[in-house]
Amino acid sequence: MLTLSLLSCLPSNQSRLAALTGVVCVLSMSACDGNTTKPAVRSTADVTTVKAPVVAMSVDGLVSVAYEEDITRSNVYVADYGEDGSFVERTRLSERIIGPKSNIPPVVARDASGWAIVSWNSETRVVASTFNPGTGMWSKPDSISGGIGRPAVAMDGSGRGWLIWSASDGMRASCFVPGGGWQGVVIVDSDAGNTPRIAAQLGVATAVWFSSGAKRIRSSRYDPAGGWSAPELVATIAATGGPEFDLAMNRSAANTMAAVVHSRGDSLFINRYIPGSGWAGDINGDAADISNPVCAMEPSGVVTAVYERAGRLAIRRYDPGFGWGSLTLHGDATAFDGSIDVAAGADGFAVGAWEDSQQIMVTALTPTSGWSPTTVVSTQLVSGTTVGVAASSGAGTAMVVWVEASTTTGTRVGMHWIPAP
């Protein structure tokens, strides 16, 4: 059951920690009986503007939510949660910026080893902070390299992490190694690109980006033996098209795959990377005024695509053994507002979330019940908010984040915890 209400029932030790860190945690009613928990965290500053929260969850259910908070200057914060959704601590990662507010919203990744990474662009520099499970602390931000736009980050389950971002000389990347730090900067593609995506598993990373001059989606793969591969073509976008695509990768030791779901013209396509064979080529999945596609992959390689279809929220799943499945539609053609995200956990478990008629809507997939009815988890959202979703393949839990209006002043990060089915 997915519910949202504003009753606080923090254990006393968590209440003390929240007070010490300057955070208010607002829990759902059913948090007290163990059904659904932890919707909200916000700063207690007098004037708060929260921007673009992002969420990451490890295989065992640990959660980090990163966001930009603008009081008089931009700051990047991260709030950490336990595997049961309980609030742990909030940390300010960035120093206050003197001069114009120029932070670009952060990105975040966590993995089962306990390590985590938050990265952002500050004053045209890509910076990153890492969480060390040995010390239990976030590091002072490392300045990685000059950059343009928002970076992308991924971790592989062993504590290793990768960043990729746009720069004046092309697409740059760097690898993080526990105990060794950031391992230098590599130019992955000398052509100009933007809006990168990256995913990783078992020491291998796959990155894709939009090559704006050629209107193409390009890709490179990292492996420990050879480093980054030469860029490959994934798809060509129509001349009037934009970089509407997403990347997903499964967590499978036996058969690690990746997939790009993208829109071209009025159609939806999937292109899968198969180890040993490369990119298999586009397979059409829908044709009806498609836009804003996002995707997630389960360990078995099944991909869930969520996208806007003629003004409605659409969901379709691709099974490598059977092809595209049936189409599921939510909402009507007049209410959809555009922000969408999806995450996959264990096989047969996925969560989709989106903004519709100034509300945050959620649906969850389970192996036994299929997609659940749409549930409204917030009606207080700020217009134009982005929605983020993360899910755990081990714990079977998920969290949805967004920006909503505070009940007092300013805005806050809204959160909705989804327990294991």
Protein backbone atom coordinates (compact mmCIF):
# COMPACT_ATOMS: atom_id res chain seq x y z
CA MET A 1 0.00 0.00 0.00
CA LEU A 2 1.42 3.43 -0.97
CA THR A 3 0.31 6.24 1.35
CA LEU A 4 1.49 9.71 2.25
CA SER A 5 0.61 11.62 5.38
CA LEU A 6 2.39 14.02 7.68
CA LEU A 7 2.70 12.22 11.00
CA SER A 8 6.14 12.12 12.62
CA CYS A 9 7.10 8.94 14.46
CA LEU A 10 10.89 8.98 14.55
CA PRO A 11 12.54 6.90 17.25
CA SER A 12 14.10 9.16 19.87
CA ASN A 13 17.69 8.57 18.73
CA GLN A 14 16.80 9.51 15.13
CA SER A 15 14.95 12.60 16.36
CA ARG A 16 18.08 13.75 18.19
CA LEU A 17 20.22 13.16 15.10
CA ALA A 18 17.76 15.08 12.92
CA ALA A 19 17.85 18.01 15.33
CA LEU A 20 21.64 18.02 15.38
CA THR A 21 21.92 18.02 11.58
CA GLY A 22 19.29 20.67 10.94
CA VAL A 23 16.82 18.35 9.22
CA VAL A 24 13.15 17.63 9.70
CA CYS A 25 12.06 14.08 8.79
CA VAL A 26 8.37 13.70 8.06
CA LEU A 27 7.12 10.13 8.04
CA SER A 28 3.98 8.51 6.70
CA MET A 29 1.28 7.26 9.04
CA SER A 30 1.98 3.66 8.20
CA ALA A 31 5.67 4.03 9.03
CA CYS A 32 4.67 3.27 12.61
CA ASP A 33 3.18 -0.08 11.67
CA GLY A 34 5.94 -1.05 9.22
CA ASN A 35 4.06 -0.80 5.91
CA THR A 36 5.29 2.33 4.11
CA THR A 37 7.77 4.85 5.41
CA LYS A 38 9.80 8.02 5.18
CA PRO A 39 8.43 10.52 2.73
CA ALA A 40 10.24 13.81 3.42
CA VAL A 41 13.40 15.65 4.42
CA ARG A 42 13.91 19.41 4.33
CA SER A 43 16.30 22.04 5.60
CA THR A 44 15.18 24.12 8.57
CA ALA A 45 16.70 27.32 7.13
CA ASP A 46 14.35 30.32 7.02
CA VAL A 47 14.41 30.55 3.23
CA THR A 48 15.08 27.40 1.26
CA THR A 49 14.97 26.61 -2.43
CA VAL A 50 15.67 22.97 -3.20
CA LYS A 51 16.52 21.93 -6.75
CA ALA A 52 16.69 18.70 -8.77
CA PRO A 53 17.00 15.90 -6.17
CA VAL A 54 18.51 12.62 -7.35
CA VAL A 55 18.48 9.28 -5.54
CA ALA A 56 20.65 6.14 -5.57
CA MET A 57 20.15 2.82 -3.80
CA SER A 58 22.59 -0.02 -3.25
CA VAL A 59 21.76 -3.69 -3.76
CA ASP A 60 21.21 -4.05 -0.01
CA GLY A 61 18.88 -1.04 0.17
CA LEU A 62 21.08 1.79 1.47
CA VAL A 63 19.95 5.14 0.04
CA SER A 64 21.59 8.50 -0.73
CA VAL A 65 19.60 11.53 -1.91
CA ALA A 66 21.63 14.43 -3.33
CA TYR A 67 20.26 17.87 -4.17
CA GLU A 68 21.13 21.52 -4.55
CA GLU A 69 19.92 23.93 -1.88
CA ASP A 70 19.98 27.63 -2.64
CA ILE A 71 19.70 30.07 0.27
CA THR A 72 21.93 32.99 -0.71
CA ARG A 73 24.39 30.80 -2.63
CA SER A 74 24.25 27.32 -4.09
CA ASN A 75 25.22 24.34 -1.93
CA VAL A 76 25.13 20.60 -2.61
CA TYR A 77 23.78 18.34 0.14
CA VAL A 78 23.38 14.58 0.53
CA ALA A 79 20.94 12.84 2.90
CA ASP A 80 21.65 9.19 3.73
CA TYR A 81 19.15 6.50 4.76
CA GLY A 82 19.37 2.98 6.12
CA GLU A 83 18.09 -0.16 4.41
CA ASP A 84 14.72 0.26 6.17
CA GLY A 85 14.37 3.85 4.95
CA SER A 86 15.31 5.36 8.33
CA PHE A 87 17.08 8.72 8.22
CA VAL A 88 20.81 8.57 9.09
CA GLU A 89 22.47 11.92 8.40
CA ARG A 90 22.53 14.99 6.16
CA THR A 91 25.87 16.41 4.96
CA ARG A 92 26.72 19.62 3.12
CA LEU A 93 29.25 18.63 0.48
CA SER A 94 30.03 21.88 -1.32
CA GLU A 95 31.57 25.02 0.06
CA ARG A 96 29.56 28.19 -0.37
CA ILE A 97 30.27 29.78 -3.73
CA ILE A 98 31.28 33.43 -3.69
CA GLY A 99 29.76 35.26 -6.65
CA PRO A 100 27.14 34.08 -9.14
CA LYS A 101 25.22 30.91 -8.39
CA SER A 102 26.60 28.48 -10.93
CA ASN A 103 26.27 24.96 -9.53
CA ILE A 104 24.70 22.46 -11.91
CA PRO A 105 22.50 19.91 -10.08
CA PRO A 106 24.35 16.88 -8.69
CA VAL A 107 24.33 13.20 -9.62
CA VAL A 108 24.69 10.29 -7.17
CA ALA A 109 25.59 6.57 -7.15
CA ARG A 110 25.83 3.90 -4.41
CA ASP A 111 26.91 0.28 -4.43
CA ALA A 112 26.85 -2.81 -2.24
CA SER A 113 30.38 -2.24 -0.95
CA GLY A 114 29.13 0.78 1.02
CA TRP A 115 30.93 3.36 -1.11
CA ALA A 116 28.99 6.21 -2.72
CA ILE A 117 29.76 9.15 -5.03
CA VAL A 118 28.10 12.53 -5.49
CA SER A 119 29.34 14.72 -8.36
CA TRP A 120 28.37 18.11 -9.76
CA ASN A 121 29.64 20.95 -11.92
CA SER A 122 30.76 24.03 -10.01
CA GLU A 123 32.18 27.09 -11.76
CA THR A 124 32.84 24.96 -14.91
CA ARG A 125 34.74 22.37 -12.83
CA VAL A 126 33.53 18.80 -12.35
CA VAL A 127 33.91 17.96 -8.67
CA ALA A 128 33.09 14.83 -6.68
CA SER A 129 32.75 13.72 -3.07
CA THR A 130 33.02 10.06 -2.04
CA PHE A 131 31.53 8.28 0.96
CA ASN A 132 33.97 5.90 2.65
CA PRO A 133 32.23 3.10 4.60
CA GLY A 134 35.37 2.60 6.65
CA THR A 135 35.27 6.11 8.11
CA GLY A 136 31.52 6.67 7.74
CA MET A 137 32.19 10.12 6.26
CA TRP A 138 31.88 12.00 2.97
CA SER A 139 35.17 13.38 1.63
CA LYS A 140 35.99 16.97 0.91
CA PRO A 141 35.11 17.51 -2.79
CA ASP A 142 37.87 16.63 -5.27
CA SER A 143 38.26 18.88 -8.30
CA ILE A 144 38.40 16.38 -11.17
CA SER A 145 38.63 18.48 -14.34
CA GLY A 146 37.13 21.32 -16.33
CA GLY A 147 33.70 20.53 -17.69
CA ILE A 148 30.52 21.77 -19.33
CA GLY A 149 27.10 20.69 -18.16
CA ARG A 150 26.04 17.91 -15.84
CA PRO A 151 28.26 14.82 -15.37
CA ALA A 152 27.01 11.23 -15.17
CA VAL A 153 28.15 8.74 -12.50
CA ALA A 154 28.00 4.96 -11.96
CA MET A 155 29.44 2.35 -9.56
CA ASP A 156 30.05 -1.36 -10.16
CA GLY A 157 29.43 -3.01 -6.76
CA SER A 158 33.08 -3.17 -5.63
CA GLY A 159 33.50 0.50 -4.72
CA ARG A 160 34.89 1.46 -8.14
CA GLY A 161 33.14 4.38 -9.79
CA TRP A 162 33.17 6.27 -13.10
CA LEU A 163 32.36 9.79 -14.16
CA ILE A 164 31.79 11.04 -17.71
CA TRP A 165 31.10 14.63 -18.73
CA SER A 166 31.25 17.15 -21.56
CA ALA A 167 34.28 19.40 -21.99
CA SER A 168 35.61 21.85 -24.54
CA ASP A 169 37.74 19.11 -26.14
CA GLY A 170 35.06 16.39 -26.19
CA MET A 171 33.80 13.77 -23.73
CA ARG A 172 36.01 13.21 -20.67
CA ALA A 173 35.95 10.39 -18.11
CA SER A 174 37.65 9.40 -14.88
CA CYS A 175 37.65 6.25 -12.73
CA PHE A 176 37.59 6.11 -8.90
CA VAL A 177 39.34 3.26 -7.07
CA PRO A 178 38.87 2.75 -3.30
CA GLY A 179 42.16 3.48 -1.60
CA GLY A 180 43.58 5.03 -4.75
CA GLY A 181 41.22 7.90 -5.46
CA TRP A 182 40.50 9.34 -8.90
CA GLN A 183 42.76 7.85 -11.58
CA GLY A 184 43.27 10.77 -13.93
CA VAL A 185 41.19 12.08 -16.82
CA VAL A 186 40.78 10.44 -20.24
CA ILE A 187 39.30 11.94 -23.42
CA VAL A 188 36.82 9.27 -24.52
CA ASP A 189 35.62 11.10 -27.65
CA SER A 190 37.16 14.19 -29.24
CA ASP A 191 33.84 15.16 -30.85
CA ALA A 192 31.59 17.53 -28.94
CA GLY A 193 28.84 15.79 -26.98
CA ASN A 194 26.34 16.31 -24.17
CA THR A 195 23.77 14.65 -21.87
CA PRO A 196 25.93 11.60 -21.00
CA ARG A 197 24.59 8.44 -19.35
CA ILE A 198 26.70 5.74 -17.71
CA ALA A 199 26.15 2.36 -16.02
CA ALA A 200 28.62 -0.15 -14.54
CA GLN A 201 28.89 -3.69 -13.22
CA LEU A 202 31.79 -6.02 -12.31
CA GLY A 203 34.57 -3.66 -13.40
CA VAL A 204 32.93 -2.85 -16.75
CA ALA A 205 31.29 0.51 -17.54
CA THR A 206 29.14 1.51 -20.51
CA ALA A 207 28.70 5.19 -21.40
CA VAL A 208 26.50 6.82 -24.03
CA TRP A 209 26.09 10.45 -25.02
CA PHE A 210 24.53 12.66 -27.66
CA SER A 211 26.91 13.89 -30.36
CA SER A 212 25.08 17.10 -31.18
CA GLY A 213 26.89 18.00 -34.41
CA ALA A 214 26.16 14.65 -36.08
CA LYS A 215 22.79 14.08 -34.32
CA ARG A 216 23.97 10.69 -33.10
CA ILE A 217 24.02 8.66 -29.92
CA ARG A 218 27.55 7.34 -29.41
CA SER A 219 28.98 4.87 -26.90
CA SER A 220 32.20 3.66 -25.31
CA ARG A 221 32.90 0.70 -23.02
CA TYR A 222 35.46 0.58 -20.22
CA ASP A 223 37.13 -2.64 -19.14
CA PRO A 224 40.05 -2.99 -16.72
CA ALA A 225 42.36 -4.57 -19.31
CA GLY A 226 41.96 -2.11 -22.16
CA GLY A 227 40.45 1.05 -20.69
CA TRP A 228 37.93 2.97 -22.79
CA SER A 229 37.08 1.63 -26.25
CA ALA A 230 36.88 3.72 -29.41
CA PRO A 231 33.46 5.42 -29.71
CA GLU A 232 30.75 3.45 -31.49
CA LEU A 233 27.52 4.54 -33.15
CA VAL A 234 24.40 3.45 -31.27
CA ALA A 235 21.71 5.34 -33.17
CA THR A 236 21.21 8.24 -35.55
CA ILE A 237 18.61 10.83 -34.57
CA ALA A 238 16.53 12.71 -37.14
CA ALA A 239 17.77 16.22 -37.97
CA THR A 240 14.93 17.78 -35.98
CA GLY A 241 15.30 15.37 -33.08
CA GLY A 242 16.93 15.93 -29.72
CA PRO A 243 18.89 13.80 -27.25
CA GLU A 244 15.90 11.83 -25.95
CA PHE A 245 17.45 8.58 -24.75
CA ASP A 246 18.36 6.61 -21.65
CA LEU A 247 20.81 3.83 -20.75
CA ALA A 248 20.30 0.79 -18.54
CA MET A 249 22.60 -2.06 -17.50
CA ASN A 250 21.82 -5.24 -15.57
CA ARG A 251 23.58 -6.60 -12.50
CA SER A 252 24.34 -10.13 -13.61
CA ALA A 253 27.66 -11.88 -13.20
CA ALA A 254 26.68 -14.47 -15.80
CA ASN A 255 25.47 -12.22 -18.61
CA THR A 256 26.09 -8.48 -18.27
CA MET A 257 24.10 -6.54 -20.86
CA ALA A 258 23.25 -2.91 -21.58
CA ALA A 259 20.45 -1.24 -23.51
CA VAL A 260 19.66 2.20 -24.90
CA VAL A 261 16.03 3.21 -25.32
CA HIS A 262 15.53 6.28 -27.50
CA SER A 263 12.92 8.15 -29.50
CA ARG A 264 13.34 9.10 -33.13
CA GLY A 265 10.62 11.09 -34.78
CA ASP A 266 7.38 9.57 -33.48
CA SER A 267 8.81 6.14 -32.63
CA LEU A 268 10.40 4.30 -29.69
CA PHE A 269 13.43 2.07 -30.22
CA ILE A 270 15.68 -0.18 -28.16
CA ASN A 271 19.28 -1.11 -29.01
CA ARG A 272 20.95 -3.74 -26.83
CA TYR A 273 24.67 -4.25 -26.20
CA ILE A 274 25.47 -7.97 -26.09
CA PRO A 275 28.94 -8.95 -24.75
CA GLY A 276 31.02 -10.44 -27.51
CA SER A 277 28.69 -9.17 -30.23
CA GLY A 278 28.34 -5.43 -29.68
CA TRP A 279 25.29 -3.27 -30.37
CA ALA A 280 22.58 -5.41 -31.96
CA GLY A 281 20.67 -2.66 -33.78
CA ASP A 282 17.40 -0.79 -33.26
CA ILE A 283 14.15 -2.66 -32.61
CA ASN A 284 10.98 -0.60 -32.91
CA GLY A 285 8.76 -0.67 -29.82
CA ASP A 286 6.06 1.95 -30.45
CA ALA A 287 5.05 4.65 -32.93
CA ALA A 288 2.68 7.30 -31.59
CA ASP A 289 4.24 10.71 -30.85
CA ILE A 290 6.90 9.37 -28.45
CA SER A 291 9.07 11.55 -26.20
CA ASN A 292 11.02 11.60 -22.89
CA PRO A 293 11.92 7.87 -22.72
CA VAL A 294 13.64 6.43 -19.64
CA CYS A 295 14.53 2.80 -18.97
CA ALA A 296 15.75 0.29 -16.38
CA MET A 297 17.05 -3.28 -16.69
CA GLU A 298 16.49 -6.25 -14.39
CA PRO A 299 19.23 -8.84 -13.71
CA SER A 300 17.72 -11.16 -16.36
CA GLY A 301 18.09 -8.46 -19.04
CA VAL A 302 14.40 -7.50 -19.25
CA VAL A 303 14.09 -3.75 -19.90
CA THR A 304 11.25 -1.54 -18.70
CA ALA A 305 10.73 1.57 -20.85
CA VAL A 306 8.59 4.45 -19.56
CA TYR A 307 7.83 7.39 -21.84
CA GLU A 308 5.33 10.00 -22.94
CA ARG A 309 2.98 8.74 -25.63
CA ALA A 310 0.67 11.30 -27.24
CA GLY A 311 0.33 13.13 -23.93
CA ARG A 312 -0.08 10.02 -21.74
CA LEU A 313 2.34 8.04 -19.59
CA ALA A 314 3.21 4.75 -21.31
CA ILE A 315 5.05 1.65 -20.04
CA ARG A 316 6.33 -1.20 -22.15
CA ARG A 317 8.76 -4.03 -21.35
CA TYR A 318 11.28 -5.70 -23.63
CA ASP A 319 12.24 -9.34 -22.95
CA PRO A 320 15.35 -10.56 -24.86
CA GLY A 321 13.66 -13.92 -25.39
CA PHE A 322 10.25 -12.66 -26.53
CA GLY A 323 10.59 -9.06 -27.73
CA TRP A 324 8.32 -6.17 -26.75
CA GLY A 325 5.41 -6.88 -24.42
CA SER A 326 2.01 -5.25 -24.18
CA LEU A 327 1.51 -1.50 -23.72
CA THR A 328 0.26 -0.02 -20.41
CA LEU A 329 -1.12 3.54 -20.35
CA HIS A 330 -1.73 5.88 -17.40
CA GLY A 331 -3.52 9.22 -17.14
CA ASP A 332 -5.15 11.15 -19.97
CA ALA A 333 -3.89 13.24 -22.87
CA THR A 334 -4.47 16.61 -21.18
CA ALA A 335 -2.82 16.21 -17.78
CA PHE A 336 0.69 14.82 -18.32
CA ASP A 337 3.43 17.27 -17.26
CA GLY A 338 6.57 15.54 -18.51
CA SER A 339 9.00 14.47 -15.76
CA ILE A 340 9.43 10.67 -15.69
CA ASP A 341 11.75 8.12 -14.09
CA VAL A 342 11.90 4.34 -13.62
CA ALA A 343 14.02 1.89 -11.66
CA ALA A 344 14.28 -1.92 -11.68
CA GLY A 345 15.16 -4.16 -8.77
CA ALA A 346 15.07 -7.95 -8.76
CA ASP A 347 13.57 -9.80 -11.74
CA GLY A 348 9.94 -8.79 -12.16
CA PHE A 349 10.16 -5.77 -9.83
CA ALA A 350 10.15 -2.17 -11.12
CA VAL A 351 8.83 1.24 -10.08
CA GLY A 352 7.74 4.08 -12.35
CA ALA A 353 7.05 7.66 -11.19
CA TRP A 354 5.96 10.81 -13.01
CA GLU A 355 4.42 14.26 -12.65
CA ASP A 356 0.78 14.51 -13.74
CA SER A 357 -1.66 17.40 -13.10
CA GLN A 358 0.67 18.86 -10.43
CA GLN A 359 0.82 15.52 -8.63
CA ILE A 360 3.49 12.84 -8.21
CA MET A 361 2.16 9.51 -9.44
CA VAL A 362 3.68 6.07 -8.75
CA THR A 363 3.06 2.56 -10.04
CA ALA A 364 4.97 -0.59 -9.02
CA LEU A 365 5.45 -3.90 -10.81
CA THR A 366 5.69 -7.20 -8.94
CA PRO A 367 6.05 -10.72 -10.42
CA THR A 368 2.77 -11.92 -8.93
CA SER A 369 0.52 -8.87 -9.35
CA GLY A 370 1.74 -6.98 -12.42
CA TRP A 371 1.56 -3.19 -12.46
CA SER A 372 -0.27 -1.69 -9.49
CA PRO A 373 -2.97 0.96 -9.86
CA THR A 374 -1.59 4.49 -10.05
CA THR A 375 -1.11 6.05 -6.62
CA VAL A 376 -0.84 9.78 -5.83
CA VAL A 377 2.03 10.30 -3.36
CA SER A 378 2.16 14.13 -3.34
CA THR A 379 -0.05 17.05 -4.34
CA GLN A 380 2.33 19.74 -3.03
CA LEU A 381 4.92 19.61 -5.76
CA VAL A 382 6.60 22.65 -7.27
CA SER A 383 5.83 23.27 -10.95
CA GLY A 384 8.55 21.90 -13.23
CA THR A 385 9.99 19.50 -10.64
CA THR A 386 12.08 16.53 -11.69
CA VAL A 387 11.26 13.06 -10.43
CA GLY A 388 13.88 10.48 -9.43
CA VAL A 389 13.49 6.76 -8.64
CA ALA A 390 15.92 4.17 -7.27
CA ALA A 391 15.35 0.49 -6.50
CA SER A 392 17.29 -2.33 -4.85
CA SER A 393 17.71 -5.72 -6.50
CA GLY A 394 18.62 -7.30 -3.17
CA ALA A 395 16.33 -5.71 -0.59
CA GLY A 396 13.43 -5.26 -3.04
CA THR A 397 12.75 -1.71 -1.85
CA ALA A 398 12.52 1.57 -3.77
CA MET A 399 12.44 5.32 -3.15
CA VAL A 400 10.91 8.17 -5.19
CA VAL A 401 12.10 11.79 -4.80
CA TRP A 402 10.85 15.16 -6.07
CA VAL A 403 10.65 18.84 -5.05
CA GLU A 404 7.51 19.95 -3.23
CA ALA A 405 6.26 23.06 -1.47
CA SER A 406 6.92 23.15 2.25
CA THR A 407 4.01 23.41 4.66
CA THR A 408 5.77 26.46 6.17
CA THR A 409 8.12 28.28 3.80
CA GLY A 410 10.22 27.53 0.73
CA THR A 411 10.53 24.04 -0.74
CA ARG A 412 11.76 20.65 0.38
CA VAL A 413 12.77 17.29 -1.01
CA GLY A 414 9.71 15.05 -1.02
CA MET A 415 10.36 11.31 -0.65
CA HIS A 416 8.25 8.19 -0.86
CA TRP A 417 9.54 4.88 0.42
CA ILE A 418 8.26 1.66 -1.17
CA PRO A 419 8.89 -1.47 0.93
CA ALA A 420 9.70 -4.90 -0.44
CA PRO A 421 6.67 -6.66 -1.96
